[in-house]
Amino acid sequence: MYDLIIIGGGPAGTSAAVYAARKQLKTLFLTTEWGGQSAVSSEIQNWIGTPAIMGADLADALKKHVEAYKGEFLEVISPAEASKLATFDDHVEVTTKDGTVHSGKTAIVATGAQRRKLNVPGAAEHDNKGLTYCASCDGPLFGGMDVAVIGGGNAAFESALQLLAYCKSVTLLNRTDTFRADEISVAAAKSHPNMRIILNAEPTEVLGGPPAGGFVSGIKYKDTKSGEVHELPVAGIFVEIGLIPNSGWVGDTLEKNQVGQIKVDPRTLRSSHPRVWAAGDITDGIYHQNNIAAGDAVKALEDVYMFLRKSKSEA
């Protein structure tokens, strides 16, 4: 019986693991891969303490930090994919794909999310070659350039507002004639002189290739009203069409919102079950970034520690 089982190898899960080991909690750490979504980023410039780092290097650094604490209080199993979560009054059980059942007094779920991909010709070929899914991570690389943002929700407008700080121009393509974003964010973007919004614009192809040195040179989109196809020359494309939380394996054990994110108490990160916490992109938190995920995981771990201490004193 472990004190704690941590599931997930991104910034959230690894942060929780380091803190758990330092507090000498008997911890099991399970992950399929290291680094989370940022593992594939060409360069990350907002990981605090590091001016710039490759996604693969960040993943490796997180792995090394966790493995430095392997031993009496921390067991690491990787690769290990969680397939089921079962909760009880006095413990939780995490089953992995190989059928092994691991028991713990508590658990932190940090399996993150995956970006909803832009599924048009040329998108896959230009992934991380001008087409990106993280304005916070990659935006500064496009300083002084013309870029496009795909999407119409808060994430899309927040990305556009970030990009307007350093890009020459930002064009937002929205599939319909209405936005899912709040009116304040929309108004803030519209008021900027370098912002352009195109409604009823359905992306049809990402342009680039050898003439552009293998990088993005533009995007084609169809006017859903007229059927006309237009070409927009840009050096970067930022896709913000939603996140898909990796929460399917949890089933109905924990309460989720309509998109599958685990609902948590923002003060403690505790889920609907008193022995399970969640942190990072899998939660229903308002903001999702590497640094936020790491901080929330530490907050969750501190609450786990206090819960276990209290339980021990009451035993």
Protein backbone atom coordinates (compact mmCIF):
# COMPACT_ATOMS: atom_id res chain seq x y z
CA MET A 1 0.00 0.00 0.00
CA TYR A 2 1.54 3.30 -1.18
CA ASP A 3 0.89 6.61 0.52
CA LEU A 4 0.44 8.19 -2.89
CA ILE A 5 0.13 7.18 -6.54
CA ILE A 6 0.95 9.85 -9.13
CA ILE A 7 -0.16 9.33 -12.72
CA GLY A 8 1.39 11.50 -15.44
CA GLY A 9 4.89 12.55 -16.53
CA GLY A 10 4.42 16.20 -17.49
CA PRO A 11 5.29 19.26 -15.41
CA ALA A 12 2.41 18.53 -12.99
CA GLY A 13 3.15 14.87 -12.30
CA THR A 14 6.91 15.32 -12.07
CA SER A 15 6.61 18.30 -9.71
CA ALA A 16 4.34 16.30 -7.43
CA ALA A 17 6.76 13.36 -7.49
CA VAL A 18 9.77 15.45 -6.47
CA TYR A 19 7.88 17.04 -3.59
CA ALA A 20 6.40 13.72 -2.48
CA ALA A 21 9.82 12.09 -2.32
CA ARG A 22 11.26 15.02 -0.38
CA LYS A 23 8.44 14.70 2.14
CA GLN A 24 9.22 10.97 2.39
CA LEU A 25 5.83 9.78 1.27
CA LYS A 26 5.90 6.24 -0.05
CA THR A 27 5.06 7.10 -3.64
CA LEU A 28 4.46 5.24 -6.90
CA PHE A 29 4.93 7.27 -10.08
CA LEU A 30 3.39 6.02 -13.33
CA THR A 31 3.79 7.60 -16.77
CA THR A 32 3.58 6.60 -20.41
CA GLU A 33 5.96 9.36 -21.49
CA TRP A 34 7.82 12.36 -20.10
CA GLY A 35 7.33 16.08 -20.67
CA GLY A 36 3.65 16.38 -21.53
CA GLN A 37 2.51 18.40 -24.54
CA SER A 38 5.65 20.54 -24.58
CA ALA A 39 7.88 17.56 -25.34
CA VAL A 40 7.45 18.25 -29.06
CA SER A 41 7.94 22.04 -28.89
CA SER A 42 10.88 23.36 -30.88
CA GLU A 43 11.69 25.93 -28.20
CA ILE A 44 10.06 26.97 -24.92
CA GLN A 45 10.81 30.48 -23.67
CA ASN A 46 8.50 30.75 -20.67
CA TRP A 47 9.69 27.88 -18.44
CA ILE A 48 10.74 29.89 -15.41
CA GLY A 49 14.47 29.83 -14.73
CA THR A 50 15.37 28.88 -18.30
CA PRO A 51 15.39 31.60 -21.00
CA ALA A 52 14.98 28.99 -23.75
CA ILE A 53 14.83 25.20 -23.81
CA MET A 54 13.89 22.60 -26.39
CA GLY A 55 10.80 20.58 -25.57
CA ALA A 56 12.76 17.33 -25.69
CA ASP A 57 15.37 18.79 -23.32
CA LEU A 58 12.68 19.88 -20.87
CA ALA A 59 11.19 16.38 -20.92
CA ASP A 60 14.62 14.90 -20.27
CA ALA A 61 15.27 17.35 -17.41
CA LEU A 62 11.96 16.47 -15.77
CA LYS A 63 12.75 12.78 -16.07
CA LYS A 64 16.22 13.18 -14.57
CA HIS A 65 14.89 15.25 -11.67
CA VAL A 66 12.32 12.59 -10.77
CA GLU A 67 14.73 9.69 -11.19
CA ALA A 68 17.24 11.44 -8.93
CA TYR A 69 14.79 10.71 -6.07
CA LYS A 70 14.17 7.07 -6.92
CA GLY A 71 14.71 4.82 -3.95
CA GLU A 72 13.09 4.08 -0.62
CA PHE A 73 10.29 6.63 -0.99
CA LEU A 74 9.80 6.83 -4.75
CA GLU A 75 9.19 4.00 -7.20
CA VAL A 76 9.04 4.89 -10.90
CA ILE A 77 7.38 2.71 -13.52
CA SER A 78 7.72 3.95 -17.10
CA PRO A 79 6.25 3.25 -19.54
CA ALA A 80 3.08 2.43 -17.64
CA GLU A 81 -0.36 3.45 -18.94
CA ALA A 82 -3.19 3.78 -16.46
CA SER A 83 -6.42 2.18 -17.66
CA LYS A 84 -8.75 2.34 -14.65
CA LEU A 85 -9.26 4.22 -11.40
CA ALA A 86 -11.26 2.73 -8.53
CA THR A 87 -12.00 4.60 -5.32
CA PHE A 88 -12.90 3.34 -1.87
CA ASP A 89 -13.43 4.91 1.54
CA ASP A 90 -9.94 4.02 2.75
CA HIS A 91 -7.84 3.76 -0.44
CA VAL A 92 -7.71 4.04 -4.24
CA GLU A 93 -6.66 1.56 -6.91
CA VAL A 94 -4.99 2.32 -10.25
CA THR A 95 -4.95 -0.45 -12.84
CA THR A 96 -2.43 -0.29 -15.68
CA LYS A 97 -2.81 -1.67 -19.21
CA ASP A 98 -0.89 -4.83 -18.29
CA GLY A 99 -3.57 -5.65 -15.71
CA THR A 100 -1.52 -4.78 -12.62
CA VAL A 101 -3.51 -3.20 -9.79
CA HIS A 102 -1.68 -0.65 -7.63
CA SER A 103 -3.15 0.44 -4.29
CA GLY A 104 -2.57 3.75 -2.55
CA LYS A 105 -4.01 5.81 0.26
CA THR A 106 -4.26 8.78 -2.13
CA ALA A 107 -3.71 9.64 -5.79
CA ILE A 108 -2.84 12.66 -7.93
CA VAL A 109 -4.12 12.47 -11.50
CA ALA A 110 -1.92 14.48 -13.87
CA THR A 111 -2.36 12.80 -17.24
CA GLY A 112 -2.84 16.13 -18.98
CA ALA A 113 -4.55 16.77 -22.28
CA GLN A 114 -3.85 16.76 -25.95
CA ARG A 115 -4.45 19.61 -28.35
CA ARG A 116 -7.24 19.15 -30.85
CA LYS A 117 -5.30 18.98 -34.12
CA LEU A 118 -5.95 20.98 -37.26
CA ASN A 119 -6.92 18.26 -39.72
CA VAL A 120 -6.27 19.76 -43.16
CA PRO A 121 -3.66 19.04 -45.87
CA GLY A 122 -0.24 20.39 -44.92
CA ALA A 123 -0.94 20.67 -41.20
CA ALA A 124 0.88 17.54 -40.10
CA GLU A 125 3.85 18.29 -42.35
CA HIS A 126 4.30 21.75 -40.84
CA ASP A 127 3.71 20.85 -37.19
CA ASN A 128 6.43 22.77 -35.28
CA LYS A 129 7.56 24.26 -38.58
CA GLY A 130 5.48 27.40 -38.28
CA LEU A 131 2.30 25.64 -37.17
CA THR A 132 2.03 25.47 -33.41
CA TYR A 133 -0.46 24.88 -30.62
CA CYS A 134 1.05 27.12 -27.95
CA ALA A 135 1.28 30.89 -28.26
CA SER A 136 2.84 31.19 -24.80
CA CYS A 137 5.62 28.78 -25.76
CA ASP A 138 6.32 29.75 -29.36
CA GLY A 139 4.86 33.22 -29.90
CA PRO A 140 8.06 35.23 -29.34
CA LEU A 141 9.73 33.27 -32.15
CA PHE A 142 7.46 35.12 -34.58
CA GLY A 143 8.31 38.65 -33.50
CA GLY A 144 7.78 41.15 -36.33
CA MET A 145 5.98 38.60 -38.51
CA ASP A 146 2.44 38.15 -39.79
CA VAL A 147 0.65 35.25 -38.11
CA ALA A 148 -2.78 33.63 -38.01
CA VAL A 149 -4.80 32.23 -35.12
CA ILE A 150 -7.37 29.50 -35.75
CA GLY A 151 -10.33 29.42 -33.36
CA GLY A 152 -13.05 31.52 -31.79
CA GLY A 153 -12.99 30.70 -28.09
CA ASN A 154 -11.28 32.39 -25.17
CA ALA A 155 -8.04 30.48 -25.79
CA ALA A 156 -7.90 31.77 -29.38
CA PHE A 157 -8.46 35.40 -28.37
CA GLU A 158 -6.05 35.15 -25.43
CA SER A 159 -3.42 33.79 -27.83
CA ALA A 160 -4.13 36.62 -30.26
CA LEU A 161 -3.72 39.22 -27.52
CA GLN A 162 -0.39 37.68 -26.53
CA LEU A 163 0.82 37.62 -30.12
CA LEU A 164 -0.16 41.24 -30.74
CA ALA A 165 2.56 42.25 -28.29
CA TYR A 166 5.32 41.25 -30.70
CA CYS A 167 3.91 40.14 -34.07
CA LYS A 168 3.53 42.49 -37.03
CA SER A 169 -0.09 41.45 -37.49
CA VAL A 170 -2.50 38.82 -36.22
CA THR A 171 -5.39 37.46 -38.28
CA LEU A 172 -7.95 35.33 -36.48
CA LEU A 173 -9.94 32.83 -38.57
CA ASN A 174 -13.28 31.78 -37.09
CA ARG A 175 -15.42 29.07 -38.71
CA THR A 176 -18.73 30.78 -37.92
CA ASP A 177 -20.06 34.32 -37.60
CA THR A 178 -20.21 34.15 -33.79
CA PHE A 179 -17.54 33.71 -31.11
CA ARG A 180 -17.41 31.41 -28.10
CA ALA A 181 -15.06 33.84 -26.35
CA ASP A 182 -16.26 36.37 -23.80
CA GLU A 183 -17.12 39.86 -25.05
CA ILE A 184 -14.29 41.55 -23.13
CA SER A 185 -11.59 39.44 -24.83
CA VAL A 186 -13.18 39.96 -28.24
CA ALA A 187 -13.42 43.72 -27.73
CA ALA A 188 -9.80 43.94 -26.56
CA ALA A 189 -8.59 42.14 -29.69
CA LYS A 190 -10.78 44.14 -32.05
CA SER A 191 -9.49 47.42 -30.64
CA HIS A 192 -5.89 46.65 -31.64
CA PRO A 193 -4.83 48.24 -34.96
CA ASN A 194 -2.81 45.19 -35.99
CA MET A 195 -5.68 42.73 -35.41
CA ARG A 196 -7.86 41.37 -38.19
CA ILE A 197 -10.78 38.97 -37.76
CA ILE A 198 -12.23 36.91 -40.61
CA LEU A 199 -15.59 35.26 -39.97
CA ASN A 200 -17.03 32.16 -41.66
CA ALA A 201 -13.49 31.08 -42.52
CA GLU A 202 -12.88 27.33 -42.70
CA PRO A 203 -9.16 26.39 -43.03
CA THR A 204 -8.58 24.09 -46.00
CA GLU A 205 -4.79 23.85 -46.40
CA VAL A 206 -1.54 24.87 -44.73
CA LEU A 207 0.92 26.24 -47.26
CA GLY A 208 4.68 25.99 -47.14
CA GLY A 209 7.32 23.52 -48.20
CA PRO A 210 10.60 23.98 -50.10
CA PRO A 211 9.91 27.54 -51.33
CA ALA A 212 9.55 28.54 -47.68
CA GLY A 213 12.51 26.49 -46.53
CA GLY A 214 10.19 23.76 -45.29
CA PHE A 215 8.26 26.18 -43.08
CA VAL A 216 4.78 27.70 -43.19
CA SER A 217 4.22 30.38 -45.82
CA GLY A 218 0.45 30.77 -45.56
CA ILE A 219 -2.95 29.21 -45.12
CA LYS A 220 -5.90 28.65 -47.45
CA TYR A 221 -9.42 29.04 -46.14
CA LYS A 222 -12.93 28.78 -47.57
CA ASP A 223 -15.63 31.35 -47.02
CA THR A 224 -18.45 29.15 -45.74
CA LYS A 225 -21.04 31.66 -46.98
CA SER A 226 -19.84 32.17 -50.56
CA GLY A 227 -17.75 29.04 -51.04
CA GLU A 228 -14.82 31.12 -52.28
CA VAL A 229 -11.29 29.98 -51.37
CA HIS A 230 -8.77 32.58 -50.23
CA GLU A 231 -5.07 32.50 -49.46
CA LEU A 232 -3.56 34.29 -46.47
CA PRO A 233 0.24 34.71 -46.41
CA VAL A 234 1.59 34.21 -42.86
CA ALA A 235 4.79 32.95 -41.28
CA GLY A 236 3.07 31.30 -38.33
CA ILE A 237 -0.22 29.56 -37.58
CA PHE A 238 -1.44 29.19 -34.00
CA VAL A 239 -4.17 26.58 -33.58
CA GLU A 240 -6.57 27.05 -30.66
CA ILE A 241 -9.53 24.78 -31.39
CA GLY A 242 -9.73 23.07 -28.02
CA LEU A 243 -8.09 20.58 -25.69
CA ILE A 244 -9.02 16.94 -25.26
CA PRO A 245 -8.33 15.93 -21.63
CA ASN A 246 -6.74 12.52 -21.14
CA SER A 247 -9.38 11.53 -18.63
CA GLY A 248 -11.19 8.67 -20.35
CA TRP A 249 -9.39 6.07 -18.24
CA VAL A 250 -10.84 7.61 -15.07
CA GLY A 251 -14.36 6.70 -16.21
CA ASP A 252 -17.18 8.01 -14.03
CA THR A 253 -15.18 7.70 -10.81
CA LEU A 254 -14.58 11.46 -10.58
CA GLU A 255 -16.84 14.36 -11.43
CA LYS A 256 -15.99 16.02 -14.76
CA ASN A 257 -17.25 18.99 -16.73
CA GLN A 258 -18.92 18.76 -20.13
CA VAL A 259 -15.60 18.49 -22.01
CA GLY A 260 -14.17 15.80 -19.73
CA GLN A 261 -11.94 17.89 -17.48
CA ILE A 262 -11.80 16.76 -13.86
CA LYS A 263 -13.50 19.22 -11.53
CA VAL A 264 -11.26 20.33 -8.66
CA ASP A 265 -11.36 22.71 -5.73
CA PRO A 266 -9.11 25.59 -6.94
CA ARG A 267 -7.75 26.08 -3.40
CA THR A 268 -6.59 22.49 -2.86
CA LEU A 269 -6.89 20.76 -6.26
CA ARG A 270 -8.92 18.00 -4.60
CA SER A 271 -11.42 16.23 -6.86
CA SER A 272 -14.93 15.03 -6.05
CA HIS A 273 -13.41 12.09 -4.15
CA PRO A 274 -11.61 12.96 -0.89
CA ARG A 275 -8.61 10.72 -1.67
CA VAL A 276 -7.99 11.93 -5.23
CA TRP A 277 -6.44 15.21 -6.40
CA ALA A 278 -5.79 16.37 -9.96
CA ALA A 279 -3.43 18.96 -11.44
CA GLY A 280 -2.46 20.37 -14.80
CA ASP A 281 -4.32 20.38 -18.09
CA ILE A 282 -6.64 17.56 -17.05
CA THR A 283 -8.44 19.86 -14.60
CA ASP A 284 -11.18 22.42 -15.13
CA GLY A 285 -8.85 25.25 -14.15
CA ILE A 286 -9.22 28.48 -16.12
CA TYR A 287 -5.61 28.63 -17.30
CA HIS A 288 -3.34 25.84 -18.52
CA GLN A 289 0.42 26.30 -18.90
CA ASN A 290 3.54 24.41 -17.82
CA ASN A 291 4.31 26.69 -14.88
CA ILE A 292 0.71 26.68 -13.71
CA ALA A 293 0.58 22.88 -13.92
CA ALA A 294 3.75 22.56 -11.84
CA GLY A 295 2.52 25.03 -9.21
CA ASP A 296 -0.91 23.42 -8.95
CA ALA A 297 0.68 20.00 -8.54
CA VAL A 298 2.80 21.26 -5.65
CA LYS A 299 -0.32 22.76 -4.09
CA ALA A 300 -2.10 19.41 -4.49
CA LEU A 301 0.85 17.54 -2.98
CA GLU A 302 0.92 19.82 0.04
CA ASP A 303 -2.77 19.11 0.59
CA VAL A 304 -2.20 15.36 0.17
CA TYR A 305 0.56 15.54 2.76
CA MET A 306 -1.65 17.35 5.26
CA PHE A 307 -4.47 14.87 4.62
CA LEU A 308 -2.18 11.89 5.29
CA ARG A 309 -0.72 13.48 8.39
CA LYS A 310 -4.15 14.18 9.75
CA SER A 311 -5.33 10.66 8.93
CA LYS A 312 -2.30 9.19 10.70
CA SER A 313 -2.83 11.29 13.83
CA GLU A 314 -6.46 10.24 13.97
CA ALA A 315 -5.68 6.53 13.55
